[in-house]
Amino acid sequence: MRLGMPEILVIALVVLLLFGGKKIPELMKGLGKGVKSFKDGMNGEIEEDKKEEK
């Protein structure tokens, strides 16, 4: 399933209505930190697996 431009605009409008314009940057910052933390955790697991294989 692919999202087209109309679907993305509707989602953005709903988010804007739910959270307001001032909260969105805070939400995106938190989301970015969460994604970075997840990636760091995954990289740590991969490195641990490589060490265990040796």
N, C-alpha and C. Protein backbone atom coordinates (compact mmCIF):
# COMPACT_ATOMS: atom_id res chain seq x y z
N MET A 1 0.84 -1.18 0.00
CA MET A 1 0.00 0.00 0.00
C MET A 1 0.88 1.24 0.00
N ARG A 2 0.65 2.11 -0.91
CA ARG A 2 1.43 3.32 -1.03
C ARG A 2 0.56 4.52 -0.69
N LEU A 3 1.19 5.50 -0.04
CA LEU A 3 0.49 6.73 0.27
C LEU A 3 0.77 7.76 -0.82
N GLY A 4 -0.29 8.32 -1.36
CA GLY A 4 -0.13 9.37 -2.35
C GLY A 4 -0.17 10.73 -1.67
N MET A 5 -0.04 11.77 -2.46
CA MET A 5 -0.03 13.13 -1.91
C MET A 5 -1.34 13.48 -1.21
N PRO A 6 -2.51 13.13 -1.74
CA PRO A 6 -3.75 13.47 -1.03
C PRO A 6 -3.85 12.80 0.35
N GLU A 7 -3.41 11.57 0.46
CA GLU A 7 -3.45 10.87 1.74
C GLU A 7 -2.52 11.52 2.75
N ILE A 8 -1.32 11.90 2.29
CA ILE A 8 -0.35 12.53 3.19
C ILE A 8 -0.89 13.88 3.67
N LEU A 9 -1.54 14.63 2.79
CA LEU A 9 -2.11 15.91 3.18
C LEU A 9 -3.22 15.75 4.20
N VAL A 10 -4.05 14.75 4.04
CA VAL A 10 -5.13 14.49 5.00
C VAL A 10 -4.53 14.11 6.36
N ILE A 11 -3.53 13.26 6.37
CA ILE A 11 -2.89 12.86 7.62
C ILE A 11 -2.26 14.08 8.30
N ALA A 12 -1.56 14.92 7.52
CA ALA A 12 -0.95 16.13 8.08
C ALA A 12 -2.00 17.06 8.66
N LEU A 13 -3.12 17.20 7.99
CA LEU A 13 -4.20 18.06 8.48
C LEU A 13 -4.78 17.53 9.78
N VAL A 14 -4.97 16.23 9.88
CA VAL A 14 -5.50 15.62 11.10
C VAL A 14 -4.52 15.82 12.26
N VAL A 15 -3.23 15.62 12.01
CA VAL A 15 -2.22 15.82 13.05
C VAL A 15 -2.22 17.27 13.49
N LEU A 16 -2.32 18.19 12.55
CA LEU A 16 -2.33 19.61 12.88
C LEU A 16 -3.55 19.96 13.73
N LEU A 17 -4.69 19.41 13.39
CA LEU A 17 -5.90 19.68 14.16
C LEU A 17 -5.84 19.07 15.56
N LEU A 18 -5.26 17.88 15.68
CA LEU A 18 -5.20 17.22 16.98
C LEU A 18 -4.21 17.86 17.93
N PHE A 19 -3.04 18.24 17.43
CA PHE A 19 -1.97 18.67 18.30
C PHE A 19 -1.70 20.17 18.25
N GLY A 20 -2.16 20.85 17.25
CA GLY A 20 -1.89 22.28 17.12
C GLY A 20 -0.51 22.53 16.56
N GLY A 21 -0.29 23.71 16.03
CA GLY A 21 0.95 24.04 15.35
C GLY A 21 2.16 24.10 16.27
N LYS A 22 1.96 24.47 17.53
CA LYS A 22 3.10 24.64 18.43
C LYS A 22 3.63 23.32 18.96
N LYS A 23 2.81 22.30 19.01
CA LYS A 23 3.23 21.00 19.55
C LYS A 23 3.94 20.13 18.52
N ILE A 24 3.72 20.37 17.25
CA ILE A 24 4.26 19.51 16.20
C ILE A 24 5.79 19.46 16.22
N PRO A 25 6.51 20.60 16.34
CA PRO A 25 7.98 20.49 16.40
C PRO A 25 8.47 19.63 17.58
N GLU A 26 7.79 19.75 18.72
CA GLU A 26 8.16 18.93 19.88
C GLU A 26 7.93 17.46 19.60
N LEU A 27 6.82 17.15 18.94
CA LEU A 27 6.51 15.76 18.60
C LEU A 27 7.54 15.19 17.62
N MET A 28 7.91 15.97 16.62
CA MET A 28 8.89 15.51 15.63
C MET A 28 10.27 15.32 16.27
N LYS A 29 10.62 16.20 17.21
CA LYS A 29 11.90 16.07 17.91
C LYS A 29 11.91 14.78 18.72
N GLY A 30 10.82 14.52 19.43
CA GLY A 30 10.72 13.28 20.20
C GLY A 30 10.75 12.05 19.31
N LEU A 31 10.08 12.14 18.19
CA LEU A 31 10.06 11.02 17.24
C LEU A 31 11.46 10.76 16.70
N GLY A 32 12.17 11.83 16.36
CA GLY A 32 13.53 11.69 15.87
C GLY A 32 14.45 11.05 16.90
N LYS A 33 14.31 11.46 18.15
CA LYS A 33 15.13 10.87 19.22
C LYS A 33 14.80 9.39 19.39
N GLY A 34 13.52 9.06 19.28
CA GLY A 34 13.11 7.67 19.40
C GLY A 34 13.67 6.81 18.29
N VAL A 35 13.63 7.31 17.07
CA VAL A 35 14.17 6.56 15.93
C VAL A 35 15.68 6.39 16.08
N LYS A 36 16.38 7.45 16.51
CA LYS A 36 17.83 7.37 16.70
C LYS A 36 18.16 6.35 17.78
N SER A 37 17.41 6.38 18.87
CA SER A 37 17.63 5.42 19.95
C SER A 37 17.40 3.99 19.47
N PHE A 38 16.37 3.79 18.67
CA PHE A 38 16.07 2.47 18.14
C PHE A 38 17.21 1.98 17.24
N LYS A 39 17.69 2.87 16.36
CA LYS A 39 18.79 2.50 15.46
C LYS A 39 20.06 2.18 16.25
N ASP A 40 20.35 3.00 17.27
CA ASP A 40 21.52 2.74 18.10
C ASP A 40 21.41 1.39 18.80
N GLY A 41 20.21 1.08 19.29
CA GLY A 41 19.99 -0.20 19.94
C GLY A 41 20.16 -1.37 18.99
N MET A 42 19.66 -1.21 17.77
CA MET A 42 19.80 -2.26 16.77
C MET A 42 21.26 -2.46 16.39
N ASN A 43 22.00 -1.36 16.23
CA ASN A 43 23.42 -1.46 15.90
C ASN A 43 24.18 -2.14 17.03
N GLY A 44 23.82 -1.85 18.26
CA GLY A 44 24.47 -2.49 19.41
C GLY A 44 24.21 -3.98 19.43
N GLU A 45 23.00 -4.39 19.10
CA GLU A 45 22.66 -5.82 19.05
C GLU A 45 23.44 -6.52 17.95
N ILE A 46 23.57 -5.88 16.80
CA ILE A 46 24.30 -6.47 15.68
C ILE A 46 25.77 -6.65 16.06
N GLU A 47 26.35 -5.64 16.71
CA GLU A 47 27.75 -5.74 17.12
C GLU A 47 27.95 -6.84 18.15
N GLU A 48 27.00 -6.99 19.08
CA GLU A 48 27.09 -8.06 20.08
C GLU A 48 27.02 -9.43 19.42
N ASP A 49 26.13 -9.55 18.42
CA ASP A 49 26.02 -10.83 17.71
C ASP A 49 27.31 -11.18 16.98
N LYS A 50 27.96 -10.17 16.38
CA LYS A 50 29.21 -10.41 15.68
C LYS A 50 30.30 -10.84 16.65
N LYS A 51 30.33 -10.25 17.84
CA LYS A 51 31.34 -10.62 18.84
C LYS A 51 31.14 -12.05 19.32
N GLU A 52 29.87 -12.46 19.48
CA GLU A 52 29.56 -13.80 19.95
C GLU A 52 29.92 -14.84 18.90
N GLU A 53 29.86 -14.49 17.62
CA GLU A 53 30.16 -15.45 16.56
C GLU A 53 31.65 -15.77 16.49
N LYS A 54 32.49 -14.84 16.93
CA LYS A 54 33.95 -15.03 16.82
C LYS A 54 34.47 -15.97 17.83
